[in-house]
Amino acid sequence: MPSAIKAGLFYFIVVFAAGFVLGTLRVIVLLPFIGEIAAVALELPVMLAISWLACRRLATQFSVPAKIPYRLAMGAVAFGLLMLAEFGLSVFAFNRSGAEYFALFLTTSGLLGIAGQIAFGLFPLAQLRQKSN
C-alpha cells in the first residue's frame, strides 16, 4: 500500500501544479473573452488529459499493483489532497467562507469542475480496468 499512497501524493502534486498554471491562464486569458462556463469547458479536457497521462506514468513509476484496493487508494489520496488544497486556497487565498466554497459546486462551472475532479480520482481505477480489456 505504501506505493499507492506515494503515487497518489505525486499524482496530486503534478495535477495540482498543472491546474494552478492552467487555472491562472483560464482566468486571465480566456474568462474575459468567452465567459466562465466556456473557459472551464475548454480547460477541462486539457486537465483530464494531463491527469490521465500523469496517473499512468506515476502508477508505473511507483509500481502500484494492478489490484482494485491499491488503485482506489492512489485515487483517494490524490482526490482527498486535491479537495483539501482547493478548500484551503478558496478560504485563505480568496477569502471565501466554507459555505461559499461549497456553494460554488452548485454552479454550472462548479459542476464541470467537480465532475473533472471525480474523474481524476477514478483514473487509477479506470486505467486498471483498461489494462484488463
C-alpha atoms as a PDB file:
ATOM      1  CA  MET A   1       0.000   0.000   0.000  1.00  0.00           C
ATOM      2  CA  PRO A   2       2.864   2.491   0.558  1.00  0.00           C
ATOM      3  CA  SER A   3       3.497   2.613  -3.204  1.00  0.00           C
ATOM      4  CA  ALA A   4      -0.144   3.560  -3.860  1.00  0.00           C
ATOM      5  CA  ILE A   5      -0.062   6.289  -1.222  1.00  0.00           C
ATOM      6  CA  LYS A   6       3.196   7.721  -2.544  1.00  0.00           C
ATOM      7  CA  ALA A   7       1.890   7.567  -6.130  1.00  0.00           C
ATOM      8  CA  GLY A   8      -1.309   9.325  -5.024  1.00  0.00           C
ATOM      9  CA  LEU A   9       0.725  12.084  -3.380  1.00  0.00           C
ATOM     10  CA  PHE A  10       2.788  12.697  -6.506  1.00  0.00           C
ATOM     11  CA  TYR A  11      -0.299  12.381  -8.718  1.00  0.00           C
ATOM     12  CA  PHE A  12      -1.901  15.174  -6.691  1.00  0.00           C
ATOM     13  CA  ILE A  13       1.240  17.350  -6.861  1.00  0.00           C
ATOM     14  CA  VAL A  14       1.626  17.040 -10.634  1.00  0.00           C
ATOM     15  CA  VAL A  15      -2.037  17.654 -11.430  1.00  0.00           C
ATOM     16  CA  PHE A  16      -2.443  20.427  -8.863  1.00  0.00           C
ATOM     17  CA  ALA A  17       0.577  22.244 -10.293  1.00  0.00           C
ATOM     18  CA  ALA A  18      -0.776  21.874 -13.831  1.00  0.00           C
ATOM     19  CA  GLY A  19      -4.197  23.040 -12.664  1.00  0.00           C
ATOM     20  CA  PHE A  20      -2.699  26.051 -10.943  1.00  0.00           C
ATOM     21  CA  VAL A  21      -0.971  27.120 -14.160  1.00  0.00           C
ATOM     22  CA  LEU A  22      -3.925  26.369 -16.434  1.00  0.00           C
ATOM     23  CA  GLY A  23      -6.407  27.888 -13.995  1.00  0.00           C
ATOM     24  CA  THR A  24      -4.416  31.099 -13.920  1.00  0.00           C
ATOM     25  CA  LEU A  25      -4.342  31.192 -17.724  1.00  0.00           C
ATOM     26  CA  ARG A  26      -8.070  30.405 -17.839  1.00  0.00           C
ATOM     27  CA  VAL A  27      -8.910  33.309 -15.543  1.00  0.00           C
ATOM     28  CA  ILE A  28      -6.548  35.830 -17.132  1.00  0.00           C
ATOM     29  CA  VAL A  29      -6.742  34.892 -20.815  1.00  0.00           C
ATOM     30  CA  LEU A  30      -9.986  33.027 -21.530  1.00  0.00           C
ATOM     31  CA  LEU A  31     -12.532  34.173 -18.976  1.00  0.00           C
ATOM     32  CA  PRO A  32     -12.683  37.847 -20.041  1.00  0.00           C
ATOM     33  CA  PHE A  33     -13.365  36.874 -23.654  1.00  0.00           C
ATOM     34  CA  ILE A  34     -15.575  33.788 -23.528  1.00  0.00           C
ATOM     35  CA  GLY A  35     -17.033  33.693 -20.019  1.00  0.00           C
ATOM     36  CA  GLU A  36     -16.658  31.327 -17.104  1.00  0.00           C
ATOM     37  CA  ILE A  37     -18.552  28.275 -18.346  1.00  0.00           C
ATOM     38  CA  ALA A  38     -16.861  28.203 -21.756  1.00  0.00           C
ATOM     39  CA  ALA A  39     -13.443  28.809 -20.190  1.00  0.00           C
ATOM     40  CA  VAL A  40     -13.895  25.902 -17.773  1.00  0.00           C
ATOM     41  CA  ALA A  41     -15.241  23.715 -20.592  1.00  0.00           C
ATOM     42  CA  LEU A  42     -12.101  24.426 -22.640  1.00  0.00           C
ATOM     43  CA  GLU A  43      -9.732  23.842 -19.722  1.00  0.00           C
ATOM     44  CA  LEU A  44     -11.354  20.603 -18.542  1.00  0.00           C
ATOM     45  CA  PRO A  45     -10.291  18.254 -21.376  1.00  0.00           C
ATOM     46  CA  VAL A  46      -6.714  19.524 -21.131  1.00  0.00           C
ATOM     47  CA  MET A  47      -6.681  18.877 -17.381  1.00  0.00           C
ATOM     48  CA  LEU A  48      -8.205  15.439 -17.854  1.00  0.00           C
ATOM     49  CA  ALA A  49      -5.567  14.548 -20.471  1.00  0.00           C
ATOM     50  CA  ILE A  50      -2.777  15.716 -18.155  1.00  0.00           C
ATOM     51  CA  SER A  51      -4.347  13.755 -15.301  1.00  0.00           C
ATOM     52  CA  TRP A  52      -4.682  10.592 -17.380  1.00  0.00           C
ATOM     53  CA  LEU A  53      -1.067  10.697 -18.531  1.00  0.00           C
ATOM     54  CA  ALA A  54       0.285  11.599 -15.092  1.00  0.00           C
ATOM     55  CA  CYS A  55      -1.734   8.811 -13.497  1.00  0.00           C
ATOM     56  CA  ARG A  56      -0.443   6.207 -15.927  1.00  0.00           C
ATOM     57  CA  ARG A  57       3.153   7.346 -15.566  1.00  0.00           C
ATOM     58  CA  LEU A  58       3.103   7.538 -11.764  1.00  0.00           C
ATOM     59  CA  ALA A  59       1.303   4.225 -11.271  1.00  0.00           C
ATOM     60  CA  THR A  60       4.046   2.612 -13.356  1.00  0.00           C
ATOM     61  CA  GLN A  61       6.883   4.601 -11.782  1.00  0.00           C
ATOM     62  CA  PHE A  62       5.793   3.695  -8.235  1.00  0.00           C
ATOM     63  CA  SER A  63       4.843   0.123  -9.201  1.00  0.00           C
ATOM     64  CA  VAL A  64       1.317   0.429  -7.895  1.00  0.00           C
ATOM     65  CA  PRO A  65      -0.102  -3.103  -8.029  1.00  0.00           C
ATOM     66  CA  ALA A  66      -2.776  -3.754 -10.645  1.00  0.00           C
ATOM     67  CA  LYS A  67      -5.377  -4.508  -7.974  1.00  0.00           C
ATOM     68  CA  ILE A  68      -8.510  -2.572  -7.088  1.00  0.00           C
ATOM     69  CA  PRO A  69      -7.626  -1.654  -3.456  1.00  0.00           C
ATOM     70  CA  TYR A  70      -4.259  -0.194  -4.458  1.00  0.00           C
ATOM     71  CA  ARG A  71      -5.663   1.797  -7.362  1.00  0.00           C
ATOM     72  CA  LEU A  72      -8.541   3.071  -5.220  1.00  0.00           C
ATOM     73  CA  ALA A  73      -6.028   4.125  -2.554  1.00  0.00           C
ATOM     74  CA  MET A  74      -3.948   6.024  -5.106  1.00  0.00           C
ATOM     75  CA  GLY A  75      -7.013   7.853  -6.414  1.00  0.00           C
ATOM     76  CA  ALA A  76      -8.440   8.508  -2.936  1.00  0.00           C
ATOM     77  CA  VAL A  77      -5.179  10.020  -1.668  1.00  0.00           C
ATOM     78  CA  ALA A  78      -4.869  12.253  -4.736  1.00  0.00           C
ATOM     79  CA  PHE A  79      -8.538  13.286  -4.663  1.00  0.00           C
ATOM     80  CA  GLY A  80      -8.535  13.961  -0.914  1.00  0.00           C
ATOM     81  CA  LEU A  81      -5.409  16.096  -1.135  1.00  0.00           C
ATOM     82  CA  LEU A  82      -6.842  17.979  -4.107  1.00  0.00           C
ATOM     83  CA  MET A  83     -10.059  18.768  -2.241  1.00  0.00           C
ATOM     84  CA  LEU A  84      -8.117  19.922   0.834  1.00  0.00           C
ATOM     85  CA  ALA A  85      -5.805  22.104  -1.256  1.00  0.00           C
ATOM     86  CA  GLU A  86      -8.671  23.676  -3.175  1.00  0.00           C
ATOM     87  CA  PHE A  87     -10.623  24.315   0.006  1.00  0.00           C
ATOM     88  CA  GLY A  88      -7.537  25.886   1.596  1.00  0.00           C
ATOM     89  CA  LEU A  89      -6.923  28.118  -1.402  1.00  0.00           C
ATOM     90  CA  SER A  90     -10.546  29.162  -1.503  1.00  0.00           C
ATOM     91  CA  VAL A  91     -10.642  30.075   2.188  1.00  0.00           C
ATOM     92  CA  PHE A  92      -7.161  31.501   2.712  1.00  0.00           C
ATOM     93  CA  ALA A  93      -6.213  32.945  -0.679  1.00  0.00           C
ATOM     94  CA  PHE A  94      -9.644  34.031  -1.937  1.00  0.00           C
ATOM     95  CA  ASN A  95     -11.164  34.834   1.458  1.00  0.00           C
ATOM     96  CA  ARG A  96     -14.285  32.696   0.966  1.00  0.00           C
ATOM     97  CA  SER A  97     -16.184  31.023   3.753  1.00  0.00           C
ATOM     98  CA  GLY A  98     -16.601  27.257   3.739  1.00  0.00           C
ATOM     99  CA  ALA A  99     -20.232  27.713   2.733  1.00  0.00           C
ATOM    100  CA  GLU A 100     -19.237  29.933  -0.195  1.00  0.00           C
ATOM    101  CA  TYR A 101     -16.695  27.331  -1.323  1.00  0.00           C
ATOM    102  CA  PHE A 102     -19.265  24.527  -1.321  1.00  0.00           C
ATOM    103  CA  ALA A 103     -21.882  26.767  -2.992  1.00  0.00           C
ATOM    104  CA  LEU A 104     -19.539  27.050  -5.994  1.00  0.00           C
ATOM    105  CA  PHE A 105     -20.243  23.375  -6.737  1.00  0.00           C
ATOM    106  CA  LEU A 106     -23.867  24.287  -7.421  1.00  0.00           C
ATOM    107  CA  THR A 107     -22.932  26.445 -10.414  1.00  0.00           C
ATOM    108  CA  THR A 108     -22.525  25.076 -13.932  1.00  0.00           C
ATOM    109  CA  SER A 109     -18.790  25.721 -13.959  1.00  0.00           C
ATOM    110  CA  GLY A 110     -18.500  24.261 -10.455  1.00  0.00           C
ATOM    111  CA  LEU A 111     -20.330  21.103 -11.540  1.00  0.00           C
ATOM    112  CA  LEU A 112     -17.985  20.749 -14.519  1.00  0.00           C
ATOM    113  CA  GLY A 113     -15.032  21.192 -12.184  1.00  0.00           C
ATOM    114  CA  ILE A 114     -16.147  18.648  -9.582  1.00  0.00           C
ATOM    115  CA  ALA A 115     -17.003  16.146 -12.337  1.00  0.00           C
ATOM    116  CA  GLY A 116     -13.450  16.526 -13.644  1.00  0.00           C
ATOM    117  CA  GLN A 117     -12.037  16.138 -10.141  1.00  0.00           C
ATOM    118  CA  ILE A 118     -14.032  12.975  -9.544  1.00  0.00           C
ATOM    119  CA  ALA A 119     -12.777  11.594 -12.868  1.00  0.00           C
ATOM    120  CA  PHE A 120      -9.229  12.499 -11.786  1.00  0.00           C
ATOM    121  CA  GLY A 121      -9.736  10.493  -8.591  1.00  0.00           C
ATOM    122  CA  LEU A 122     -11.095   7.495 -10.507  1.00  0.00           C
ATOM    123  CA  PHE A 123      -8.422   7.421 -13.238  1.00  0.00           C
ATOM    124  CA  PRO A 124      -6.156   4.955 -11.370  1.00  0.00           C
ATOM    125  CA  LEU A 125      -9.053   2.511 -11.236  1.00  0.00           C
ATOM    126  CA  ALA A 126     -10.165   3.251 -14.810  1.00  0.00           C
ATOM    127  CA  GLN A 127      -6.657   2.548 -16.082  1.00  0.00           C
ATOM    128  CA  LEU A 128      -6.654  -0.753 -14.252  1.00  0.00           C
ATOM    129  CA  ARG A 129      -9.917  -1.626 -15.980  1.00  0.00           C
ATOM    130  CA  GLN A 130      -8.465  -0.528 -19.305  1.00  0.00           C
ATOM    131  CA  LYS A 131      -5.445  -2.814 -18.823  1.00  0.00           C
ATOM    132  CA  SER A 132      -7.617  -5.875 -18.308  1.00  0.00           C
ATOM    133  CA  ASN A 133      -9.504  -5.375 -21.599  1.00  0.00           C
END
